[in-house]
Amino acid sequence: MLGMRAQKAAFTPVILRARLVLSFRSYSTPVRAPRSKVWASADEAVKSVKSGDTLLCGGFGLAGVPDTLLAALVKRKDVGNLIAVSNNAGAGDNGLGKLFNAKQIDKIIASYPGGNKAFEAMYLNGEISLELCPQGSLVERIRAHAAGIPAFFSPTGASTAVEEGAIPMRYNEGGFAKGVQIPGVKKETRQFDGRKYVMETAISGDVAFIHAWKVDEVGNCVFRFAQNNFNTAMAKNAKLTIVEADEIVPVGSLDASSIHVPGIYVDRVVASTEPKRIEFVTLAPSGSPGESETLSPEKVAAAAQRHKIAKRAAKEIQDGFYVNLGIGMPTLVPEHLPEGVHVWLQSENGVLGMGPYPTKEQVDPDLINAGKETITLVPGASIFDSSESFAMIRGGHIDVAILGAMQVSQAGDIANFMIPGKLVKGIGGAMDLVSNPDKTKVIVVMEHCAKDGSPKILKQCTLPLTGATTVSQIITELAVFNVDRKDGVLELVELQEGATLEEVRAKTGCDFKVSRDLSRL
């Protein structure tokens, strides 16, 4: 009996192993060709789009913009009253500019629409609705719906016009002077660990237009360089996702570990046929004679002043820092970094490790910065989507953010995105960049006075705020101020060469302390 039991005990595992093999094989996936999602043309693929749809349009500037799909949709004269969701509003007849010019859009939810002058005029004249949204909040609202999250709390926009709903969504016909037709929406706030957060609701799309580099026949997508931007989050969001691809490849051609958007999110794939465009081709100086235009004495003086400010700002950067530079004057700072100081430059469109401007031969339409200028990458650079980019920013992983401004208050409030009724460039990533000032030092570089001679450093900002009590340092052509954000006090710590204390007092619109160790640059 013992022997028999022993035999049975020894035999049992063999039977179990056999059953496991049989069970596995019975549930294996049959090897057969999967259904292709490739459509013959963009015209056919966009036939499901209808009036009133919410259209998510990928891209940043003109990089990664689905121009082939937009060109097909603009032919659909029966489609109108669209709600467009995009970081930008296109430029000229590129990107969403096609649909604006065709009067097919009634409202846009965007971060930085000001690059499209035609759109800006339409909004200020009361011809179109605008929901202005910080860039990081915009991409996170899109990502949230894709992940089944109806709302979330963010520090971005707290105590600003975004929280207060102070940015009109639509003016009456005739524009700003005729009053507001649709006001902005005041947002709910809540305190967490002593900080105020704004509740943002998810955005759901009916259709998403996406531009990718390589897409296989079942919809797996790979993006090239800065093509990624908003495309990843948008591709996962909509009821119908249509992708235009630079290259359509057979199933199995893509490395599974390199796929950015799995095919489960993609419904239709078409070939991209429109040429890639660049908004601002910016080249590295070649040093050849006659390369630069002859500048007037006024422009030479203005350029020298900007470099003077940027040179002082560069002293705040330490070796190994992760730094985000705003557009305009902040981009001059890297030229003045001390010898031996190497930094990682981050761009909110999804680049960490920006290098110099390219030569003519290096220009790549898929490599741009947040100012839509052409760039190169340094060794060790990385590329990611906009959601990842703003996780870095809001999370305080950036050491220093250097921004321009229209106004700064003595408490460190900053205003730099709009002049009501006159100028609507957009918020962009600025509100996110100043949303964690305890971890990311915010430095403002700007001229001390506006063009009309009025002070830009004030007791209180009169323009809509980008951030409240967020700025730690102000650098102008006259002086350097440190900001006590807790007590709302400015301290003059340095005078620029040629400036006097009396001049600084006369041109500053608030009181300030003078450092006992006041130095002159």
Protein backbone atom coordinates (compact mmCIF):
# COMPACT_ATOMS: atom_id res chain seq x y z
CA MET A 1 0.00 0.00 0.00
CA LEU A 2 2.80 2.37 0.97
CA GLY A 3 4.52 1.56 -2.27
CA MET A 4 1.38 2.26 -4.25
CA ARG A 5 0.83 5.52 -2.46
CA ALA A 6 4.38 6.50 -3.16
CA GLN A 7 3.92 5.72 -6.84
CA LYS A 8 0.77 7.82 -7.00
CA ALA A 9 2.47 10.70 -5.21
CA ALA A 10 5.35 10.59 -7.63
CA PHE A 11 3.03 10.42 -10.65
CA THR A 12 0.68 13.24 -9.70
CA PRO A 13 2.99 16.17 -10.63
CA VAL A 14 3.46 14.69 -14.08
CA ILE A 15 -0.29 14.72 -14.67
CA LEU A 16 -0.56 18.31 -13.39
CA ARG A 17 2.21 19.45 -15.69
CA ALA A 18 0.48 17.85 -18.64
CA ARG A 19 -2.77 19.60 -17.77
CA LEU A 20 -1.00 22.94 -17.53
CA VAL A 21 0.42 22.52 -21.00
CA LEU A 22 -2.92 21.51 -22.44
CA SER A 23 -4.73 24.35 -20.67
CA PHE A 24 -2.23 26.91 -21.95
CA ARG A 25 -2.44 25.68 -25.51
CA SER A 26 -6.24 25.66 -25.53
CA TYR A 27 -6.31 29.38 -24.65
CA SER A 28 -3.50 30.52 -26.95
CA THR A 29 -4.15 33.24 -29.56
CA PRO A 30 -4.57 31.91 -33.09
CA VAL A 31 -1.88 33.15 -35.49
CA ARG A 32 -3.73 35.14 -38.13
CA ALA A 33 -3.48 38.56 -39.71
CA PRO A 34 -5.12 41.25 -37.50
CA ARG A 35 -7.70 43.63 -38.92
CA SER A 36 -6.00 46.65 -40.45
CA LYS A 37 -7.00 50.13 -39.30
CA VAL A 38 -5.47 51.83 -42.34
CA TRP A 39 -7.86 53.93 -44.43
CA ALA A 40 -7.37 54.78 -48.07
CA SER A 41 -7.53 58.56 -47.62
CA ALA A 42 -7.91 61.30 -45.06
CA ASP A 43 -11.07 62.48 -46.87
CA GLU A 44 -12.72 59.13 -46.14
CA ALA A 45 -11.41 58.95 -42.58
CA VAL A 46 -12.89 62.31 -41.51
CA LYS A 47 -16.39 61.65 -42.88
CA SER A 48 -17.60 60.73 -39.38
CA VAL A 49 -16.86 64.22 -38.01
CA LYS A 50 -20.05 66.24 -37.54
CA SER A 51 -21.07 69.75 -36.59
CA GLY A 52 -20.80 70.54 -32.90
CA ASP A 53 -18.14 67.91 -32.23
CA THR A 54 -15.34 68.53 -29.76
CA LEU A 55 -12.17 68.14 -31.82
CA LEU A 56 -8.86 67.46 -30.07
CA CYS A 57 -6.03 68.65 -32.31
CA GLY A 58 -2.51 67.50 -31.45
CA GLY A 59 0.66 69.46 -31.99
CA PHE A 60 2.67 72.30 -30.50
CA GLY A 61 3.34 75.27 -32.73
CA LEU A 62 3.55 73.50 -36.09
CA ALA A 63 5.38 70.39 -34.81
CA GLY A 64 3.24 67.28 -34.76
CA VAL A 65 0.23 69.10 -36.20
CA PRO A 66 -2.19 66.84 -38.16
CA ASP A 67 -2.32 69.07 -41.25
CA THR A 68 -3.41 66.28 -43.60
CA LEU A 69 -6.53 65.57 -41.53
CA LEU A 70 -7.26 69.28 -41.06
CA ALA A 71 -6.94 69.85 -44.81
CA ALA A 72 -9.47 67.07 -45.36
CA LEU A 73 -11.89 68.47 -42.76
CA VAL A 74 -11.80 71.99 -44.17
CA LYS A 75 -13.32 70.55 -47.37
CA ARG A 76 -16.37 69.51 -45.34
CA LYS A 77 -18.42 72.69 -45.73
CA ASP A 78 -21.30 70.96 -43.93
CA VAL A 79 -19.29 70.79 -40.69
CA GLY A 80 -19.30 73.81 -38.38
CA ASN A 81 -19.72 75.01 -34.79
CA LEU A 82 -16.79 72.86 -33.73
CA ILE A 83 -15.27 73.08 -30.26
CA ALA A 84 -11.53 72.85 -30.82
CA VAL A 85 -9.11 71.79 -28.10
CA SER A 86 -5.45 72.52 -28.80
CA ASN A 87 -2.41 74.13 -27.26
CA ASN A 88 -2.25 76.68 -30.09
CA ALA A 89 -4.66 78.20 -32.58
CA GLY A 90 -2.51 77.58 -35.64
CA ALA A 91 -0.72 80.20 -37.71
CA GLY A 92 -1.96 81.64 -40.99
CA ASP A 93 -3.41 78.73 -42.96
CA ASN A 94 -1.46 76.14 -40.99
CA GLY A 95 -2.81 73.93 -38.23
CA LEU A 96 -6.16 75.07 -36.83
CA GLY A 97 -5.75 78.26 -38.84
CA LYS A 98 -7.38 76.35 -41.71
CA LEU A 99 -10.59 75.83 -39.72
CA PHE A 100 -10.61 79.37 -38.28
CA ASN A 101 -10.26 80.84 -41.77
CA ALA A 102 -13.15 78.63 -42.94
CA LYS A 103 -15.31 79.75 -39.96
CA GLN A 104 -15.80 76.15 -38.83
CA ILE A 105 -14.85 76.71 -35.17
CA ASP A 106 -17.18 78.37 -32.66
CA LYS A 107 -15.07 77.86 -29.52
CA ILE A 108 -11.52 76.91 -28.66
CA ILE A 109 -10.05 75.63 -25.40
CA ALA A 110 -6.39 76.55 -25.64
CA SER A 111 -3.28 77.58 -23.75
CA TYR A 112 -1.46 79.90 -26.14
CA PRO A 113 -3.64 81.01 -29.09
CA GLY A 114 -1.95 84.39 -29.59
CA GLY A 115 0.31 83.17 -32.40
CA ASN A 116 -2.73 83.38 -34.69
CA LYS A 117 -3.46 87.07 -35.27
CA ALA A 118 -6.68 86.29 -37.14
CA PHE A 119 -8.00 84.33 -34.18
CA GLU A 120 -6.96 87.05 -31.71
CA ALA A 121 -8.92 89.62 -33.72
CA MET A 122 -11.98 87.32 -33.89
CA TYR A 123 -11.95 86.85 -30.11
CA LEU A 124 -11.50 90.54 -29.31
CA ASN A 125 -14.36 91.37 -31.72
CA GLY A 126 -16.75 88.90 -30.08
CA GLU A 127 -16.84 86.49 -33.02
CA ILE A 128 -15.57 83.38 -31.23
CA SER A 129 -15.42 81.89 -27.73
CA LEU A 130 -12.16 81.20 -25.90
CA GLU A 131 -11.58 79.14 -22.77
CA LEU A 132 -8.04 80.08 -21.82
CA CYS A 133 -6.35 77.34 -19.82
CA PRO A 134 -2.81 76.94 -18.42
CA GLN A 135 -0.83 74.57 -20.60
CA GLY A 136 -0.11 71.97 -17.92
CA SER A 137 -3.72 72.01 -16.73
CA LEU A 138 -4.93 71.64 -20.31
CA VAL A 139 -2.94 68.51 -21.06
CA GLU A 140 -3.79 67.06 -17.64
CA ARG A 141 -7.52 67.67 -18.22
CA ILE A 142 -7.20 65.75 -21.46
CA ARG A 143 -5.17 62.95 -19.84
CA ALA A 144 -7.62 62.75 -16.91
CA HIS A 145 -10.62 61.90 -19.09
CA ALA A 146 -8.59 59.26 -20.92
CA ALA A 147 -7.84 57.68 -17.52
CA GLY A 148 -11.43 57.84 -16.28
CA ILE A 149 -10.80 60.72 -13.84
CA PRO A 150 -13.57 63.37 -13.90
CA ALA A 151 -11.64 66.13 -12.06
CA PHE A 152 -8.47 66.86 -10.10
CA PHE A 153 -6.91 69.61 -7.96
CA SER A 154 -3.87 71.56 -9.17
CA PRO A 155 -1.83 74.42 -7.67
CA THR A 156 -1.67 76.05 -11.09
CA GLY A 157 -3.80 79.18 -11.39
CA ALA A 158 -4.61 79.54 -7.69
CA SER A 159 -5.39 83.19 -6.75
CA THR A 160 -5.34 84.24 -10.41
CA ALA A 161 -7.88 85.11 -13.10
CA VAL A 162 -8.14 81.37 -13.85
CA GLU A 163 -9.48 80.62 -10.37
CA GLU A 164 -11.66 83.73 -10.32
CA GLY A 165 -13.13 83.16 -13.80
CA ALA A 166 -12.11 86.72 -14.68
CA ILE A 167 -11.14 85.99 -18.29
CA PRO A 168 -14.22 86.51 -20.50
CA MET A 169 -15.08 83.47 -22.60
CA ARG A 170 -16.79 85.60 -25.23
CA TYR A 171 -17.37 89.31 -25.78
CA ASN A 172 -20.55 90.73 -27.25
CA GLU A 173 -20.58 91.34 -30.97
CA GLY A 174 -18.49 94.44 -31.50
CA GLY A 175 -15.86 93.41 -29.00
CA PHE A 176 -14.48 94.50 -25.65
CA ALA A 177 -16.23 97.89 -25.60
CA LYS A 178 -19.65 96.21 -25.97
CA GLY A 179 -19.25 94.09 -22.86
CA VAL A 180 -19.10 90.38 -22.06
CA GLN A 181 -21.53 87.86 -23.55
CA ILE A 182 -20.18 84.73 -21.83
CA PRO A 183 -18.15 85.26 -18.65
CA GLY A 184 -15.40 82.98 -17.43
CA VAL A 185 -16.25 80.24 -14.95
CA LYS A 186 -15.13 80.60 -11.34
CA LYS A 187 -13.40 77.43 -10.14
CA GLU A 188 -13.75 75.55 -6.89
CA THR A 189 -10.70 75.59 -4.59
CA ARG A 190 -9.53 73.53 -1.65
CA GLN A 191 -6.66 73.67 0.83
CA PHE A 192 -4.19 70.78 1.11
CA ASP A 193 -1.28 71.00 3.56
CA GLY A 194 -1.72 74.75 3.81
CA ARG A 195 -1.71 75.41 0.04
CA LYS A 196 -4.59 76.42 -2.18
CA TYR A 197 -5.47 74.19 -5.13
CA VAL A 198 -7.87 74.75 -8.04
CA MET A 199 -10.27 72.07 -9.21
CA GLU A 200 -9.99 71.34 -12.93
CA THR A 201 -12.55 69.20 -14.75
CA ALA A 202 -11.64 66.67 -17.41
CA ILE A 203 -12.11 67.43 -21.12
CA SER A 204 -13.70 64.75 -23.30
CA GLY A 205 -13.24 64.69 -27.05
CA ASP A 206 -15.52 63.36 -29.75
CA VAL A 207 -12.70 63.18 -32.28
CA ALA A 208 -8.92 63.41 -31.99
CA PHE A 209 -6.63 64.30 -34.90
CA ILE A 210 -3.09 63.03 -34.24
CA HIS A 211 0.21 63.20 -36.15
CA ALA A 212 2.77 60.45 -35.50
CA TRP A 213 6.03 59.33 -37.07
CA LYS A 214 5.64 55.56 -37.46
CA VAL A 215 2.32 53.78 -37.06
CA ASP A 216 1.69 50.12 -37.75
CA GLU A 217 -1.44 48.70 -39.35
CA VAL A 218 -3.14 48.06 -35.98
CA GLY A 219 -2.55 51.61 -34.71
CA ASN A 220 0.53 51.37 -32.49
CA CYS A 221 2.19 54.82 -32.62
CA VAL A 222 5.74 56.08 -32.27
CA PHE A 223 6.47 59.82 -32.21
CA ARG A 224 9.64 61.50 -33.39
CA PHE A 225 11.29 64.08 -31.12
CA ALA A 226 8.94 66.97 -30.24
CA GLN A 227 6.07 65.50 -32.28
CA ASN A 228 4.97 63.89 -29.02
CA ASN A 229 3.68 67.00 -27.17
CA PHE A 230 -0.15 66.88 -26.79
CA ASN A 231 -0.54 64.02 -29.25
CA THR A 232 -0.09 61.22 -26.69
CA ALA A 233 -2.77 62.41 -24.26
CA MET A 234 -5.21 63.35 -27.01
CA ALA A 235 -4.86 60.02 -28.82
CA LYS A 236 -6.06 58.23 -25.68
CA ASN A 237 -9.01 60.53 -25.00
CA ALA A 238 -11.49 60.68 -27.85
CA LYS A 239 -14.37 58.47 -28.95
CA LEU A 240 -12.80 58.43 -32.42
CA THR A 241 -9.04 58.77 -32.81
CA ILE A 242 -7.61 59.27 -36.30
CA VAL A 243 -3.84 59.24 -36.76
CA GLU A 244 -1.92 60.52 -39.73
CA ALA A 245 1.45 58.84 -40.04
CA ASP A 246 4.70 59.86 -41.69
CA GLU A 247 5.27 56.13 -42.22
CA ILE A 248 2.74 53.28 -42.07
CA VAL A 249 4.59 50.05 -41.31
CA PRO A 250 3.58 46.36 -41.15
CA VAL A 251 2.49 44.80 -37.88
CA GLY A 252 5.54 43.58 -35.99
CA SER A 253 7.87 46.24 -37.42
CA LEU A 254 7.86 48.35 -34.27
CA ASP A 255 9.79 47.45 -31.14
CA ALA A 256 7.10 46.83 -28.51
CA SER A 257 9.11 48.70 -25.86
CA SER A 258 9.34 51.88 -27.99
CA ILE A 259 5.61 52.36 -28.62
CA HIS A 260 4.21 55.64 -27.23
CA VAL A 261 0.51 55.02 -27.89
CA PRO A 262 -0.80 51.42 -28.00
CA GLY A 263 -3.19 50.57 -30.80
CA ILE A 264 -6.12 50.07 -28.40
CA TYR A 265 -6.62 53.85 -28.45
CA VAL A 266 -6.47 54.29 -32.23
CA ASP A 267 -9.40 53.76 -34.62
CA ARG A 268 -8.16 54.91 -38.03
CA VAL A 269 -4.77 55.46 -39.66
CA VAL A 270 -4.02 57.48 -42.80
CA ALA A 271 -0.85 58.51 -44.60
CA SER A 272 0.40 62.04 -43.92
CA THR A 273 0.69 63.90 -47.22
CA GLU A 274 1.10 67.55 -46.15
CA PRO A 275 4.67 68.90 -45.87
CA LYS A 276 6.08 69.64 -42.43
CA ARG A 277 6.41 73.32 -41.63
CA ILE A 278 8.42 75.38 -39.13
CA GLU A 279 7.06 78.50 -37.48
CA PHE A 280 10.43 80.10 -36.63
CA VAL A 281 13.62 78.90 -38.28
CA THR A 282 16.32 80.13 -35.91
CA LEU A 283 19.92 79.35 -36.85
CA ALA A 284 23.20 79.39 -35.00
CA PRO A 285 25.39 82.30 -36.12
CA SER A 286 27.89 81.12 -38.72
CA GLY A 287 30.28 84.03 -38.28
CA SER A 288 30.31 84.75 -42.00
CA PRO A 289 30.75 88.41 -43.02
CA GLY A 290 27.52 90.28 -43.63
CA GLU A 291 25.43 87.59 -41.98
CA SER A 292 23.58 89.90 -39.61
CA GLU A 293 21.57 92.88 -40.75
CA THR A 294 22.80 96.37 -39.99
CA LEU A 295 21.08 97.51 -36.80
CA SER A 296 20.10 101.04 -35.94
CA PRO A 297 21.78 102.60 -32.89
CA GLU A 298 18.50 102.21 -30.99
CA LYS A 299 18.34 98.47 -31.70
CA VAL A 300 21.98 98.03 -30.78
CA ALA A 301 21.35 99.76 -27.45
CA ALA A 302 18.23 97.67 -26.81
CA ALA A 303 20.09 94.43 -27.56
CA ALA A 304 22.94 95.42 -25.27
CA GLN A 305 20.49 96.15 -22.48
CA ARG A 306 18.80 92.76 -22.86
CA HIS A 307 22.16 90.98 -22.75
CA LYS A 308 23.12 93.01 -19.68
CA ILE A 309 20.05 91.70 -17.85
CA ALA A 310 20.57 88.13 -19.09
CA LYS A 311 24.24 88.18 -18.04
CA ARG A 312 23.27 89.03 -14.47
CA ALA A 313 20.58 86.32 -14.43
CA ALA A 314 23.17 83.74 -15.54
CA LYS A 315 24.98 84.22 -12.22
CA GLU A 316 22.03 82.59 -10.44
CA ILE A 317 22.55 79.32 -12.31
CA GLN A 318 24.70 76.61 -10.76
CA ASP A 319 26.41 73.68 -12.43
CA GLY A 320 24.03 70.75 -12.98
CA PHE A 321 20.85 72.80 -12.53
CA TYR A 322 17.64 71.90 -14.39
CA VAL A 323 16.41 75.20 -15.83
CA ASN A 324 13.34 76.35 -17.76
CA LEU A 325 13.66 79.53 -19.80
CA GLY A 326 10.66 81.56 -20.91
CA ILE A 327 10.47 82.98 -24.41
CA GLY A 328 12.20 86.23 -25.33
CA MET A 329 14.92 87.67 -23.08
CA PRO A 330 15.33 84.51 -20.92
CA THR A 331 16.64 82.60 -23.94
CA LEU A 332 19.76 84.83 -23.90
CA VAL A 333 20.86 83.54 -20.49
CA PRO A 334 22.78 80.43 -21.71
CA GLU A 335 25.13 82.69 -23.72
CA HIS A 336 26.38 84.17 -20.45
CA LEU A 337 26.81 81.12 -18.24
CA PRO A 338 30.16 81.14 -16.43
CA GLU A 339 32.85 78.81 -17.73
CA GLY A 340 32.47 75.32 -16.32
CA VAL A 341 28.75 75.68 -15.61
CA HIS A 342 26.72 73.11 -17.51
CA VAL A 343 22.94 73.01 -17.18
CA TRP A 344 20.01 70.97 -18.45
CA LEU A 345 17.55 73.21 -20.29
CA GLN A 346 13.94 72.03 -20.16
CA SER A 347 11.27 73.06 -22.62
CA GLU A 348 7.62 72.56 -21.69
CA ASN A 349 6.76 71.00 -25.05
CA GLY A 350 8.66 67.91 -23.90
CA VAL A 351 12.43 68.39 -24.18
CA LEU A 352 15.10 68.03 -21.49
CA GLY A 353 18.60 68.78 -22.75
CA MET A 354 18.15 71.52 -25.34
CA GLY A 355 21.29 72.45 -27.20
CA PRO A 356 22.26 75.46 -29.34
CA TYR A 357 20.31 76.66 -32.34
CA PRO A 358 21.00 74.46 -35.38
CA THR A 359 23.02 75.16 -38.48
CA LYS A 360 21.09 75.30 -41.71
CA GLU A 361 21.93 71.63 -42.33
CA GLN A 362 20.71 70.57 -38.85
CA VAL A 363 17.25 72.15 -39.05
CA ASP A 364 14.55 69.61 -38.17
CA PRO A 365 10.81 70.48 -38.12
CA ASP A 366 10.30 67.94 -35.31
CA LEU A 367 12.83 69.67 -33.04
CA ILE A 368 11.53 72.96 -31.64
CA ASN A 369 11.44 74.70 -28.26
CA ALA A 370 8.54 76.32 -26.40
CA GLY A 371 9.04 79.48 -28.48
CA LYS A 372 8.54 77.36 -31.64
CA GLU A 373 12.17 77.97 -32.64
CA THR A 374 14.39 75.29 -34.15
CA ILE A 375 16.83 73.66 -31.71
CA THR A 376 19.35 70.85 -31.32
CA LEU A 377 19.83 68.34 -28.49
CA VAL A 378 22.84 67.81 -26.23
CA PRO A 379 24.17 64.33 -25.45
CA GLY A 380 22.01 62.82 -22.71
CA ALA A 381 18.86 64.66 -23.78
CA SER A 382 15.44 63.08 -23.44
CA ILE A 383 12.08 63.64 -25.14
CA PHE A 384 8.63 63.09 -23.63
CA ASP A 385 5.02 64.20 -23.95
CA SER A 386 3.52 67.39 -22.50
CA SER A 387 1.88 65.62 -19.56
CA GLU A 388 5.26 64.29 -18.41
CA SER A 389 6.80 67.71 -18.94
CA PHE A 390 4.35 69.45 -16.64
CA ALA A 391 4.60 66.74 -14.01
CA MET A 392 8.29 67.76 -13.79
CA ILE A 393 7.31 71.41 -13.55
CA ARG A 394 4.42 71.29 -11.07
CA GLY A 395 6.27 68.73 -8.99
CA GLY A 396 9.12 71.16 -8.37
CA HIS A 397 11.80 69.15 -10.16
CA ILE A 398 13.01 72.24 -12.05
CA ASP A 399 15.61 74.21 -10.05
CA VAL A 400 15.10 77.62 -11.65
CA ALA A 401 12.52 79.16 -13.98
CA ILE A 402 13.44 82.45 -15.67
CA LEU A 403 10.52 84.41 -17.12
CA GLY A 404 9.72 87.78 -18.61
CA ALA A 405 6.89 89.91 -17.21
CA MET A 406 4.67 92.90 -17.87
CA GLN A 407 4.35 93.63 -14.16
CA VAL A 408 5.66 92.30 -10.82
CA SER A 409 4.42 93.32 -7.38
CA GLN A 410 6.43 93.86 -4.21
CA ALA A 411 4.95 90.61 -2.86
CA GLY A 412 6.18 88.60 -5.85
CA ASP A 413 2.95 88.53 -7.87
CA ILE A 414 3.59 88.28 -11.60
CA ALA A 415 1.48 89.32 -14.61
CA ASN A 416 2.74 88.35 -18.04
CA PHE A 417 0.03 86.89 -20.26
CA MET A 418 -2.64 89.38 -21.33
CA ILE A 419 -3.88 92.96 -21.44
CA PRO A 420 -7.70 92.84 -21.24
CA GLY A 421 -9.34 93.99 -24.45
CA LYS A 422 -6.03 94.56 -26.23
CA LEU A 423 -3.66 91.61 -26.16
CA VAL A 424 -4.39 87.90 -25.83
CA LYS A 425 -1.16 85.97 -26.28
CA GLY A 426 -2.19 83.27 -23.83
CA ILE A 427 -1.05 81.72 -20.59
CA GLY A 428 1.18 79.01 -22.04
CA GLY A 429 3.22 77.21 -19.42
CA ALA A 430 3.93 80.26 -17.24
CA MET A 431 1.26 79.56 -14.61
CA ASP A 432 2.58 76.04 -14.16
CA LEU A 433 6.17 77.25 -13.98
CA VAL A 434 5.37 79.53 -11.03
CA SER A 435 3.05 77.06 -9.27
CA ASN A 436 5.66 75.57 -6.92
CA PRO A 437 7.87 78.51 -5.88
CA ASP A 438 9.12 76.83 -2.71
CA LYS A 439 10.90 74.22 -4.84
CA THR A 440 11.47 76.10 -8.12
CA LYS A 441 13.10 79.53 -7.82
CA VAL A 442 11.28 81.99 -10.09
CA ILE A 443 13.41 84.81 -11.50
CA VAL A 444 11.89 87.63 -13.57
CA VAL A 445 14.05 89.41 -16.15
CA MET A 446 12.57 92.56 -17.67
CA GLU A 447 13.04 96.24 -18.45
CA HIS A 448 12.50 98.36 -15.37
CA CYS A 449 9.82 100.50 -17.03
CA ALA A 450 7.21 100.04 -19.75
CA LYS A 451 7.54 101.79 -23.11
CA ASP A 452 5.48 104.73 -21.81
CA GLY A 453 7.88 105.16 -18.89
CA SER A 454 5.52 103.77 -16.25
CA PRO A 455 6.97 101.45 -13.57
CA LYS A 456 6.65 97.69 -14.06
CA ILE A 457 7.52 96.95 -10.41
CA LEU A 458 4.44 97.93 -8.42
CA LYS A 459 2.81 97.71 -5.01
CA GLN A 460 0.05 95.66 -6.68
CA CYS A 461 -0.26 94.38 -10.24
CA THR A 462 -3.08 95.94 -12.25
CA LEU A 463 -3.05 93.27 -14.99
CA PRO A 464 -4.43 89.71 -14.56
CA LEU A 465 -2.04 87.63 -12.47
CA THR A 466 -0.02 84.70 -13.76
CA GLY A 467 0.87 83.75 -10.19
CA ALA A 468 0.48 85.14 -6.68
CA THR A 469 3.53 85.48 -4.36
CA THR A 470 5.67 83.36 -6.66
CA VAL A 471 8.64 85.51 -7.74
CA SER A 472 11.83 85.31 -5.68
CA GLN A 473 14.06 87.67 -7.65
CA ILE A 474 13.68 90.56 -10.13
CA ILE A 475 16.52 91.57 -12.45
CA THR A 476 16.33 94.70 -14.61
CA GLU A 477 18.83 96.91 -16.42
CA LEU A 478 18.93 99.12 -13.31
CA ALA A 479 18.84 96.81 -10.33
CA VAL A 480 18.47 93.42 -8.69
CA PHE A 481 15.74 92.89 -6.08
CA ASN A 482 15.16 89.94 -3.79
CA VAL A 483 11.53 89.30 -2.86
CA ASP A 484 10.38 88.27 0.61
CA ARG A 485 7.27 86.41 -0.55
CA LYS A 486 6.06 85.73 2.99
CA ASP A 487 6.10 89.34 4.21
CA GLY A 488 5.59 91.00 0.81
CA VAL A 489 8.74 93.10 0.96
CA LEU A 490 11.24 94.01 -1.76
CA GLU A 491 14.92 94.41 -0.99
CA LEU A 492 17.32 96.15 -3.36
CA VAL A 493 20.53 94.10 -3.30
CA GLU A 494 22.46 95.34 -6.35
CA LEU A 495 22.67 98.33 -8.66
CA GLN A 496 23.55 97.74 -12.27
CA GLU A 497 26.47 99.67 -13.72
CA GLY A 498 25.54 103.31 -14.31
CA ALA A 499 22.38 103.20 -12.18
CA THR A 500 21.86 105.27 -9.03
CA LEU A 501 19.70 104.64 -6.00
CA GLU A 502 17.78 107.85 -6.72
CA GLU A 503 16.97 106.69 -10.28
CA VAL A 504 15.80 103.28 -9.04
CA ARG A 505 13.54 104.90 -6.45
CA ALA A 506 12.06 107.22 -9.07
CA LYS A 507 11.32 104.41 -11.51
CA THR A 508 9.96 101.83 -9.05
CA GLY A 509 6.25 101.94 -8.21
CA CYS A 510 6.52 100.73 -4.61
CA ASP A 511 8.63 101.05 -1.50
CA PHE A 512 11.61 98.78 -0.99
CA LYS A 513 14.35 98.13 1.53
CA VAL A 514 17.97 98.78 0.65
CA SER A 515 20.40 96.03 1.57
CA ARG A 516 23.06 96.95 4.08
CA ASP A 517 25.49 95.23 1.70
CA LEU A 518 24.21 96.97 -1.46
CA SER A 519 26.69 96.26 -4.24
CA ARG A 520 27.21 97.66 -7.71
CA LEU A 521 27.70 95.47 -10.76
